[in-house]
Amino acid sequence: MNSDKSELLEEYDEEQQKEKNLDFKFLFLVYLSLAVAFSIVLPKIYIKNQIYYISRDIHKLYSEYSVLQEENIYLNQKLESIRFKNQVLDSVFIELKE
């Protein structure tokens, strides 16, 4: 019985001491899975970055549009004021002329 145990332990020790190298198939499978993962993840990251930069540009253009709308309102008010003054001056000039 003791000899069976010792044989079993010796076989176990021999098995543990053997070097376990990676074979070509396993290494190829790992590299292939990494390539597939990168081919899926990298375009997704690129697209998200492009969406971010485009939305940033859209926001910038929209803020400029808002500013231009406010400026347009201001200029229209100024134009109305000038037209009103012009009409008043024309009417005064016409009255003076008659």
PDB file of N, CA and C in Angstrom:
ATOM      1  N   MET A   1       0.809  -1.187   0.000  1.00  0.00           N
ATOM      2  CA  MET A   1       0.000   0.000   0.000  1.00  0.00           C
ATOM      3  C   MET A   1       0.857   1.257   0.000  1.00  0.00           C
ATOM      4  N   ASN A   2       1.920   1.208   0.756  1.00  0.00           N
ATOM      5  CA  ASN A   2       2.838   2.333   0.824  1.00  0.00           C
ATOM      6  C   ASN A   2       3.533   2.548  -0.510  1.00  0.00           C
ATOM      7  N   SER A   3       3.829   1.453  -1.174  1.00  0.00           N
ATOM      8  CA  SER A   3       4.503   1.559  -2.468  1.00  0.00           C
ATOM      9  C   SER A   3       3.556   2.149  -3.513  1.00  0.00           C
ATOM     10  N   ASP A   4       2.274   1.815  -3.422  1.00  0.00           N
ATOM     11  CA  ASP A   4       1.291   2.395  -4.348  1.00  0.00           C
ATOM     12  C   ASP A   4       1.206   3.912  -4.176  1.00  0.00           C
ATOM     13  N   LYS A   5       1.213   4.334  -2.933  1.00  0.00           N
ATOM     14  CA  LYS A   5       1.159   5.775  -2.652  1.00  0.00           C
ATOM     15  C   LYS A   5       2.396   6.468  -3.174  1.00  0.00           C
ATOM     16  N   SER A   6       3.536   5.857  -2.928  1.00  0.00           N
ATOM     17  CA  SER A   6       4.784   6.481  -3.375  1.00  0.00           C
ATOM     18  C   SER A   6       4.854   6.522  -4.897  1.00  0.00           C
ATOM     19  N   GLU A   7       4.397   5.464  -5.579  1.00  0.00           N
ATOM     20  CA  GLU A   7       4.372   5.465  -7.038  1.00  0.00           C
ATOM     21  C   GLU A   7       3.445   6.558  -7.564  1.00  0.00           C
ATOM     22  N   LEU A   8       2.296   6.633  -6.937  1.00  0.00           N
ATOM     23  CA  LEU A   8       1.340   7.649  -7.342  1.00  0.00           C
ATOM     24  C   LEU A   8       1.904   9.046  -7.141  1.00  0.00           C
ATOM     25  N   LEU A   9       2.555   9.283  -6.014  1.00  0.00           N
ATOM     26  CA  LEU A   9       3.165  10.591  -5.752  1.00  0.00           C
ATOM     27  C   LEU A   9       4.303  10.880  -6.723  1.00  0.00           C
ATOM     28  N   GLU A  10       5.076   9.861  -7.073  1.00  0.00           N
ATOM     29  CA  GLU A  10       6.181  10.046  -8.015  1.00  0.00           C
ATOM     30  C   GLU A  10       5.641  10.418  -9.407  1.00  0.00           C
ATOM     31  N   GLU A  11       4.573   9.724  -9.814  1.00  0.00           N
ATOM     32  CA  GLU A  11       3.969  10.039 -11.109  1.00  0.00           C
ATOM     33  C   GLU A  11       3.391  11.456 -11.102  1.00  0.00           C
ATOM     34  N   TYR A  12       2.800  11.809  -9.997  1.00  0.00           N
ATOM     35  CA  TYR A  12       2.248  13.159  -9.882  1.00  0.00           C
ATOM     36  C   TYR A  12       3.356  14.204  -9.961  1.00  0.00           C
ATOM     37  N   ASP A  13       4.450  13.978  -9.241  1.00  0.00           N
ATOM     38  CA  ASP A  13       5.590  14.903  -9.283  1.00  0.00           C
ATOM     39  C   ASP A  13       6.180  15.006 -10.685  1.00  0.00           C
ATOM     40  N   GLU A  14       6.281  13.875 -11.375  1.00  0.00           N
ATOM     41  CA  GLU A  14       6.814  13.888 -12.738  1.00  0.00           C
ATOM     42  C   GLU A  14       5.903  14.709 -13.665  1.00  0.00           C
ATOM     43  N   GLU A  15       4.604  14.530 -13.482  1.00  0.00           N
ATOM     44  CA  GLU A  15       3.641  15.270 -14.294  1.00  0.00           C
ATOM     45  C   GLU A  15       3.734  16.764 -14.015  1.00  0.00           C
ATOM     46  N   GLN A  16       3.948  17.133 -12.776  1.00  0.00           N
ATOM     47  CA  GLN A  16       4.043  18.543 -12.412  1.00  0.00           C
ATOM     48  C   GLN A  16       5.325  19.179 -12.939  1.00  0.00           C
ATOM     49  N   GLN A  17       6.364  18.405 -13.079  1.00  0.00           N
ATOM     50  CA  GLN A  17       7.653  18.942 -13.519  1.00  0.00           C
ATOM     51  C   GLN A  17       7.750  19.078 -15.035  1.00  0.00           C
ATOM     52  N   LYS A  18       6.847  18.476 -15.759  1.00  0.00           N
ATOM     53  CA  LYS A  18       6.878  18.594 -17.216  1.00  0.00           C
ATOM     54  C   LYS A  18       6.534  20.029 -17.602  1.00  0.00           C
ATOM     55  N   GLU A  19       7.252  20.532 -18.602  1.00  0.00           N
ATOM     56  CA  GLU A  19       6.971  21.878 -19.086  1.00  0.00           C
ATOM     57  C   GLU A  19       5.740  21.856 -19.976  1.00  0.00           C
ATOM     58  N   LYS A  20       4.905  22.825 -19.767  1.00  0.00           N
ATOM     59  CA  LYS A  20       3.697  22.920 -20.585  1.00  0.00           C
ATOM     60  C   LYS A  20       3.846  24.120 -21.510  1.00  0.00           C
ATOM     61  N   ASN A  21       4.171  23.868 -22.747  1.00  0.00           N
ATOM     62  CA  ASN A  21       4.327  24.932 -23.738  1.00  0.00           C
ATOM     63  C   ASN A  21       3.012  25.133 -24.480  1.00  0.00           C
ATOM     64  N   LEU A  22       2.840  26.348 -24.966  1.00  0.00           N
ATOM     65  CA  LEU A  22       1.661  26.638 -25.760  1.00  0.00           C
ATOM     66  C   LEU A  22       1.883  26.122 -27.180  1.00  0.00           C
ATOM     67  N   ASP A  23       0.900  25.432 -27.702  1.00  0.00           N
ATOM     68  CA  ASP A  23       1.036  24.954 -29.067  1.00  0.00           C
ATOM     69  C   ASP A  23       0.591  26.044 -30.039  1.00  0.00           C
ATOM     70  N   PHE A  24       0.881  25.834 -31.303  1.00  0.00           N
ATOM     71  CA  PHE A  24       0.627  26.836 -32.329  1.00  0.00           C
ATOM     72  C   PHE A  24      -0.865  27.121 -32.480  1.00  0.00           C
ATOM     73  N   LYS A  25      -1.698  26.089 -32.387  1.00  0.00           N
ATOM     74  CA  LYS A  25      -3.141  26.279 -32.541  1.00  0.00           C
ATOM     75  C   LYS A  25      -3.696  27.225 -31.475  1.00  0.00           C
ATOM     76  N   PHE A  26      -3.292  27.008 -30.241  1.00  0.00           N
ATOM     77  CA  PHE A  26      -3.796  27.847 -29.149  1.00  0.00           C
ATOM     78  C   PHE A  26      -3.336  29.296 -29.331  1.00  0.00           C
ATOM     79  N   LEU A  27      -2.075  29.471 -29.681  1.00  0.00           N
ATOM     80  CA  LEU A  27      -1.537  30.814 -29.892  1.00  0.00           C
ATOM     81  C   LEU A  27      -2.244  31.505 -31.061  1.00  0.00           C
ATOM     82  N   PHE A  28      -2.482  30.784 -32.134  1.00  0.00           N
ATOM     83  CA  PHE A  28      -3.199  31.340 -33.277  1.00  0.00           C
ATOM     84  C   PHE A  28      -4.623  31.717 -32.896  1.00  0.00           C
ATOM     85  N   LEU A  29      -5.274  30.888 -32.108  1.00  0.00           N
ATOM     86  CA  LEU A  29      -6.640  31.155 -31.673  1.00  0.00           C
ATOM     87  C   LEU A  29      -6.698  32.420 -30.801  1.00  0.00           C
ATOM     88  N   VAL A  30      -5.717  32.587 -29.926  1.00  0.00           N
ATOM     89  CA  VAL A  30      -5.673  33.781 -29.077  1.00  0.00           C
ATOM     90  C   VAL A  30      -5.478  35.032 -29.925  1.00  0.00           C
ATOM     91  N   TYR A  31      -4.534  34.996 -30.857  1.00  0.00           N
ATOM     92  CA  TYR A  31      -4.302  36.156 -31.717  1.00  0.00           C
ATOM     93  C   TYR A  31      -5.514  36.453 -32.610  1.00  0.00           C
ATOM     94  N   LEU A  32      -6.152  35.413 -33.086  1.00  0.00           N
ATOM     95  CA  LEU A  32      -7.341  35.595 -33.915  1.00  0.00           C
ATOM     96  C   LEU A  32      -8.472  36.221 -33.108  1.00  0.00           C
ATOM     97  N   SER A  33      -8.664  35.781 -31.883  1.00  0.00           N
ATOM     98  CA  SER A  33      -9.725  36.367 -31.053  1.00  0.00           C
ATOM     99  C   SER A  33      -9.406  37.822 -30.705  1.00  0.00           C
ATOM    100  N   LEU A  34      -8.149  38.147 -30.467  1.00  0.00           N
ATOM    101  CA  LEU A  34      -7.765  39.540 -30.220  1.00  0.00           C
ATOM    102  C   LEU A  34      -8.017  40.401 -31.456  1.00  0.00           C
ATOM    103  N   ALA A  35      -7.696  39.876 -32.629  1.00  0.00           N
ATOM    104  CA  ALA A  35      -7.921  40.635 -33.865  1.00  0.00           C
ATOM    105  C   ALA A  35      -9.411  40.875 -34.083  1.00  0.00           C
ATOM    106  N   VAL A  36     -10.234  39.883 -33.819  1.00  0.00           N
ATOM    107  CA  VAL A  36     -11.680  40.049 -33.981  1.00  0.00           C
ATOM    108  C   VAL A  36     -12.198  41.077 -32.982  1.00  0.00           C
ATOM    109  N   ALA A  37     -11.734  40.998 -31.736  1.00  0.00           N
ATOM    110  CA  ALA A  37     -12.180  41.958 -30.715  1.00  0.00           C
ATOM    111  C   ALA A  37     -11.785  43.375 -31.110  1.00  0.00           C
ATOM    112  N   PHE A  38     -10.557  43.564 -31.576  1.00  0.00           N
ATOM    113  CA  PHE A  38     -10.122  44.901 -31.998  1.00  0.00           C
ATOM    114  C   PHE A  38     -10.903  45.384 -33.211  1.00  0.00           C
ATOM    115  N   SER A  39     -11.199  44.484 -34.134  1.00  0.00           N
ATOM    116  CA  SER A  39     -11.928  44.897 -35.336  1.00  0.00           C
ATOM    117  C   SER A  39     -13.364  45.289 -35.007  1.00  0.00           C
ATOM    118  N   ILE A  40     -13.882  44.812 -33.894  1.00  0.00           N
ATOM    119  CA  ILE A  40     -15.228  45.209 -33.472  1.00  0.00           C
ATOM    120  C   ILE A  40     -15.184  46.480 -32.641  1.00  0.00           C
ATOM    121  N   VAL A  41     -14.230  46.585 -31.735  1.00  0.00           N
ATOM    122  CA  VAL A  41     -14.188  47.690 -30.775  1.00  0.00           C
ATOM    123  C   VAL A  41     -13.659  48.979 -31.392  1.00  0.00           C
ATOM    124  N   LEU A  42     -12.627  48.917 -32.190  1.00  0.00           N
ATOM    125  CA  LEU A  42     -12.009  50.133 -32.715  1.00  0.00           C
ATOM    126  C   LEU A  42     -12.936  50.951 -33.616  1.00  0.00           C
ATOM    127  N   PRO A  43     -13.683  50.346 -34.541  1.00  0.00           N
ATOM    128  CA  PRO A  43     -14.619  51.174 -35.319  1.00  0.00           C
ATOM    129  C   PRO A  43     -15.690  51.821 -34.446  1.00  0.00           C
ATOM    130  N   LYS A  44     -16.132  51.105 -33.426  1.00  0.00           N
ATOM    131  CA  LYS A  44     -17.145  51.665 -32.522  1.00  0.00           C
ATOM    132  C   LYS A  44     -16.595  52.905 -31.819  1.00  0.00           C
ATOM    133  N   ILE A  45     -15.373  52.838 -31.344  1.00  0.00           N
ATOM    134  CA  ILE A  45     -14.750  53.987 -30.682  1.00  0.00           C
ATOM    135  C   ILE A  45     -14.590  55.138 -31.666  1.00  0.00           C
ATOM    136  N   TYR A  46     -14.157  54.838 -32.896  1.00  0.00           N
ATOM    137  CA  TYR A  46     -13.984  55.872 -33.915  1.00  0.00           C
ATOM    138  C   TYR A  46     -15.304  56.569 -34.213  1.00  0.00           C
ATOM    139  N   ILE A  47     -16.368  55.788 -34.380  1.00  0.00           N
ATOM    140  CA  ILE A  47     -17.685  56.364 -34.694  1.00  0.00           C
ATOM    141  C   ILE A  47     -18.181  57.232 -33.546  1.00  0.00           C
ATOM    142  N   LYS A  48     -17.996  56.770 -32.308  1.00  0.00           N
ATOM    143  CA  LYS A  48     -18.434  57.574 -31.156  1.00  0.00           C
ATOM    144  C   LYS A  48     -17.661  58.890 -31.093  1.00  0.00           C
ATOM    145  N   ASN A  49     -16.372  58.853 -31.371  1.00  0.00           N
ATOM    146  CA  ASN A  49     -15.586  60.091 -31.371  1.00  0.00           C
ATOM    147  C   ASN A  49     -16.061  61.038 -32.460  1.00  0.00           C
ATOM    148  N   GLN A  50     -16.348  60.518 -33.639  1.00  0.00           N
ATOM    149  CA  GLN A  50     -16.825  61.365 -34.726  1.00  0.00           C
ATOM    150  C   GLN A  50     -18.173  61.984 -34.387  1.00  0.00           C
ATOM    151  N   ILE A  51     -19.058  61.210 -33.777  1.00  0.00           N
ATOM    152  CA  ILE A  51     -20.360  61.743 -33.361  1.00  0.00           C
ATOM    153  C   ILE A  51     -20.165  62.853 -32.338  1.00  0.00           C
ATOM    154  N   TYR A  52     -19.235  62.664 -31.405  1.00  0.00           N
ATOM    155  CA  TYR A  52     -18.978  63.686 -30.385  1.00  0.00           C
ATOM    156  C   TYR A  52     -18.503  64.987 -31.025  1.00  0.00           C
ATOM    157  N   TYR A  53     -17.525  64.889 -31.927  1.00  0.00           N
ATOM    158  CA  TYR A  53     -16.985  66.109 -32.534  1.00  0.00           C
ATOM    159  C   TYR A  53     -18.015  66.794 -33.433  1.00  0.00           C
ATOM    160  N   ILE A  54     -18.812  66.026 -34.141  1.00  0.00           N
ATOM    161  CA  ILE A  54     -19.844  66.627 -34.992  1.00  0.00           C
ATOM    162  C   ILE A  54     -20.895  67.314 -34.138  1.00  0.00           C
ATOM    163  N   SER A  55     -21.302  66.684 -33.035  1.00  0.00           N
ATOM    164  CA  SER A  55     -22.304  67.318 -32.182  1.00  0.00           C
ATOM    165  C   SER A  55     -21.745  68.582 -31.532  1.00  0.00           C
ATOM    166  N   ARG A  56     -20.454  68.568 -31.237  1.00  0.00           N
ATOM    167  CA  ARG A  56     -19.814  69.780 -30.702  1.00  0.00           C
ATOM    168  C   ARG A  56     -19.851  70.907 -31.733  1.00  0.00           C
ATOM    169  N   ASP A  57     -19.571  70.582 -32.983  1.00  0.00           N
ATOM    170  CA  ASP A  57     -19.629  71.585 -34.046  1.00  0.00           C
ATOM    171  C   ASP A  57     -21.054  72.093 -34.242  1.00  0.00           C
ATOM    172  N   ILE A  58     -22.020  71.177 -34.174  1.00  0.00           N
ATOM    173  CA  ILE A  58     -23.420  71.586 -34.319  1.00  0.00           C
ATOM    174  C   ILE A  58     -23.817  72.536 -33.199  1.00  0.00           C
ATOM    175  N   HIS A  59     -23.400  72.233 -31.984  1.00  0.00           N
ATOM    176  CA  HIS A  59     -23.726  73.107 -30.855  1.00  0.00           C
ATOM    177  C   HIS A  59     -23.094  74.491 -31.039  1.00  0.00           C
ATOM    178  N   LYS A  60     -21.861  74.515 -31.513  1.00  0.00           N
ATOM    179  CA  LYS A  60     -21.185  75.793 -31.754  1.00  0.00           C
ATOM    180  C   LYS A  60     -21.935  76.603 -32.812  1.00  0.00           C
ATOM    181  N   LEU A  61     -22.319  75.941 -33.898  1.00  0.00           N
ATOM    182  CA  LEU A  61     -23.059  76.633 -34.957  1.00  0.00           C
ATOM    183  C   LEU A  61     -24.424  77.098 -34.459  1.00  0.00           C
ATOM    184  N   TYR A  62     -25.071  76.299 -33.629  1.00  0.00           N
ATOM    185  CA  TYR A  62     -26.371  76.700 -33.113  1.00  0.00           C
ATOM    186  C   TYR A  62     -26.255  77.920 -32.197  1.00  0.00           C
ATOM    187  N   SER A  63     -25.200  77.959 -31.388  1.00  0.00           N
ATOM    188  CA  SER A  63     -25.016  79.133 -30.526  1.00  0.00           C
ATOM    189  C   SER A  63     -24.731  80.382 -31.366  1.00  0.00           C
ATOM    190  N   GLU A  64     -23.945  80.236 -32.428  1.00  0.00           N
ATOM    191  CA  GLU A  64     -23.707  81.364 -33.326  1.00  0.00           C
ATOM    192  C   GLU A  64     -25.005  81.787 -34.017  1.00  0.00           C
ATOM    193  N   TYR A  65     -25.830  80.835 -34.397  1.00  0.00           N
ATOM    194  CA  TYR A  65     -27.128  81.124 -35.005  1.00  0.00           C
ATOM    195  C   TYR A  65     -28.005  81.915 -34.039  1.00  0.00           C
ATOM    196  N   SER A  66     -28.018  81.524 -32.768  1.00  0.00           N
ATOM    197  CA  SER A  66     -28.823  82.235 -31.764  1.00  0.00           C
ATOM    198  C   SER A  66     -28.346  83.676 -31.615  1.00  0.00           C
ATOM    199  N   VAL A  67     -27.037  83.855 -31.584  1.00  0.00           N
ATOM    200  CA  VAL A  67     -26.483  85.203 -31.469  1.00  0.00           C
ATOM    201  C   VAL A  67     -26.873  86.041 -32.689  1.00  0.00           C
ATOM    202  N   LEU A  68     -26.792  85.443 -33.868  1.00  0.00           N
ATOM    203  CA  LEU A  68     -27.155  86.176 -35.090  1.00  0.00           C
ATOM    204  C   LEU A  68     -28.645  86.511 -35.127  1.00  0.00           C
ATOM    205  N   GLN A  69     -29.486  85.632 -34.599  1.00  0.00           N
ATOM    206  CA  GLN A  69     -30.915  85.949 -34.523  1.00  0.00           C
ATOM    207  C   GLN A  69     -31.162  87.144 -33.609  1.00  0.00           C
ATOM    208  N   GLU A  70     -30.502  87.173 -32.473  1.00  0.00           N
ATOM    209  CA  GLU A  70     -30.651  88.310 -31.555  1.00  0.00           C
ATOM    210  C   GLU A  70     -30.144  89.597 -32.198  1.00  0.00           C
ATOM    211  N   GLU A  71     -29.033  89.486 -32.901  1.00  0.00           N
ATOM    212  CA  GLU A  71     -28.491  90.664 -33.584  1.00  0.00           C
ATOM    213  C   GLU A  71     -29.444  91.138 -34.683  1.00  0.00           C
ATOM    214  N   ASN A  72     -30.075  90.207 -35.373  1.00  0.00           N
ATOM    215  CA  ASN A  72     -31.052  90.551 -36.401  1.00  0.00           C
ATOM    216  C   ASN A  72     -32.245  91.287 -35.787  1.00  0.00           C
ATOM    217  N   ILE A  73     -32.711  90.822 -34.648  1.00  0.00           N
ATOM    218  CA  ILE A  73     -33.817  91.508 -33.963  1.00  0.00           C
ATOM    219  C   ILE A  73     -33.411  92.931 -33.589  1.00  0.00           C
ATOM    220  N   TYR A  74     -32.210  93.059 -33.055  1.00  0.00           N
ATOM    221  CA  TYR A  74     -31.712  94.385 -32.669  1.00  0.00           C
ATOM    222  C   TYR A  74     -31.612  95.303 -33.890  1.00  0.00           C
ATOM    223  N   LEU A  75     -31.071  94.777 -34.987  1.00  0.00           N
ATOM    224  CA  LEU A  75     -30.923  95.600 -36.191  1.00  0.00           C
ATOM    225  C   LEU A  75     -32.282  95.978 -36.789  1.00  0.00           C
ATOM    226  N   ASN A  76     -33.243  95.076 -36.732  1.00  0.00           N
ATOM    227  CA  ASN A  76     -34.585  95.409 -37.215  1.00  0.00           C
ATOM    228  C   ASN A  76     -35.224  96.512 -36.372  1.00  0.00           C
ATOM    229  N   GLN A  77     -35.023  96.447 -35.071  1.00  0.00           N
ATOM    230  CA  GLN A  77     -35.547  97.504 -34.205  1.00  0.00           C
ATOM    231  C   GLN A  77     -34.879  98.838 -34.514  1.00  0.00           C
ATOM    232  N   LYS A  78     -33.587  98.795 -34.732  1.00  0.00           N
ATOM    233  CA  LYS A  78     -32.855 100.014 -35.068  1.00  0.00           C
ATOM    234  C   LYS A  78     -33.332 100.564 -36.412  1.00  0.00           C
ATOM    235  N   LEU A  79     -33.559  99.677 -37.366  1.00  0.00           N
ATOM    236  CA  LEU A  79     -34.053 100.091 -38.672  1.00  0.00           C
ATOM    237  C   LEU A  79     -35.445 100.717 -38.560  1.00  0.00           C
ATOM    238  N   GLU A  80     -36.306 100.134 -37.760  1.00  0.00           N
ATOM    239  CA  GLU A  80     -37.632 100.706 -37.535  1.00  0.00           C
ATOM    240  C   GLU A  80     -37.533 102.092 -36.915  1.00  0.00           C
ATOM    241  N   SER A  81     -36.616 102.236 -35.985  1.00  0.00           N
ATOM    242  CA  SER A  81     -36.416 103.539 -35.353  1.00  0.00           C
ATOM    243  C   SER A  81     -35.963 104.581 -36.374  1.00  0.00           C
ATOM    244  N   ILE A  82     -35.040 104.183 -37.219  1.00  0.00           N
ATOM    245  CA  ILE A  82     -34.535 105.105 -38.252  1.00  0.00           C
ATOM    246  C   ILE A  82     -35.653 105.449 -39.241  1.00  0.00           C
ATOM    247  N   ARG A  83     -36.453 104.444 -39.614  1.00  0.00           N
ATOM    248  CA  ARG A  83     -37.583 104.708 -40.530  1.00  0.00           C
ATOM    249  C   ARG A  83     -38.590 105.666 -39.899  1.00  0.00           C
ATOM    250  N   PHE A  84     -38.868 105.453 -38.641  1.00  0.00           N
ATOM    251  CA  PHE A  84     -39.808 106.332 -37.946  1.00  0.00           C
ATOM    252  C   PHE A  84     -39.278 107.768 -37.921  1.00  0.00           C
ATOM    253  N   LYS A  85     -38.009 107.924 -37.567  1.00  0.00           N
ATOM    254  CA  LYS A  85     -37.404 109.264 -37.551  1.00  0.00           C
ATOM    255  C   LYS A  85     -37.452 109.876 -38.938  1.00  0.00           C
ATOM    256  N   ASN A  86     -37.190 109.078 -39.953  1.00  0.00           N
ATOM    257  CA  ASN A  86     -37.210 109.564 -41.321  1.00  0.00           C
ATOM    258  C   ASN A  86     -38.617 110.025 -41.712  1.00  0.00           C
ATOM    259  N   GLN A  87     -39.622 109.253 -41.333  1.00  0.00           N
ATOM    260  CA  GLN A  87     -40.997 109.639 -41.641  1.00  0.00           C
ATOM    261  C   GLN A  87     -41.391 110.929 -40.921  1.00  0.00           C
ATOM    262  N   VAL A  88     -40.970 111.051 -39.671  1.00  0.00           N
ATOM    263  CA  VAL A  88     -41.280 112.260 -38.915  1.00  0.00           C
ATOM    264  C   VAL A  88     -40.578 113.457 -39.539  1.00  0.00           C
ATOM    265  N   LEU A  89     -39.332 113.309 -39.887  1.00  0.00           N
ATOM    266  CA  LEU A  89     -38.591 114.402 -40.508  1.00  0.00           C
ATOM    267  C   LEU A  89     -39.168 114.748 -41.880  1.00  0.00           C
ATOM    268  N   ASP A  90     -39.584 113.741 -42.648  1.00  0.00           N
ATOM    269  CA  ASP A  90     -40.204 114.015 -43.955  1.00  0.00           C
ATOM    270  C   ASP A  90     -41.499 114.796 -43.782  1.00  0.00           C
ATOM    271  N   SER A  91     -42.293 114.365 -42.819  1.00  0.00           N
ATOM    272  CA  SER A  91     -43.569 115.068 -42.611  1.00  0.00           C
ATOM    273  C   SER A  91     -43.320 116.499 -42.137  1.00  0.00           C
ATOM    274  N   VAL A  92     -42.309 116.712 -41.284  1.00  0.00           N
ATOM    275  CA  VAL A  92     -41.989 118.069 -40.834  1.00  0.00           C
ATOM    276  C   VAL A  92     -41.456 118.872 -42.002  1.00  0.00           C
ATOM    277  N   PHE A  93     -40.630 118.274 -42.847  1.00  0.00           N
ATOM    278  CA  PHE A  93     -40.067 118.964 -43.997  1.00  0.00           C
ATOM    279  C   PHE A  93     -41.176 119.319 -44.987  1.00  0.00           C
ATOM    280  N   ILE A  94     -42.123 118.438 -45.188  1.00  0.00           N
ATOM    281  CA  ILE A  94     -43.233 118.711 -46.106  1.00  0.00           C
ATOM    282  C   ILE A  94     -44.099 119.837 -45.552  1.00  0.00           C
ATOM    283  N   GLU A  95     -44.347 119.849 -44.266  1.00  0.00           N
ATOM    284  CA  GLU A  95     -45.141 120.913 -43.651  1.00  0.00           C
ATOM    285  C   GLU A  95     -44.445 122.267 -43.742  1.00  0.00           C
ATOM    286  N   LEU A  96     -43.146 122.244 -43.581  1.00  0.00           N
ATOM    287  CA  LEU A  96     -42.385 123.488 -43.691  1.00  0.00           C
ATOM    288  C   LEU A  96     -42.366 124.009 -45.137  1.00  0.00           C
ATOM    289  N   LYS A  97     -42.347 123.086 -46.049  1.00  0.00           N
ATOM    290  CA  LYS A  97     -42.285 123.457 -47.447  1.00  0.00           C
ATOM    291  C   LYS A  97     -43.604 124.094 -47.894  1.00  0.00           C
ATOM    292  N   GLU A  98     -44.704 123.662 -47.355  1.00  0.00           N
ATOM    293  CA  GLU A  98     -46.003 124.187 -47.783  1.00  0.00           C
ATOM    294  C   GLU A  98     -46.261 125.473 -47.110  1.00  0.00           C
TER     295      GLU A  98
END
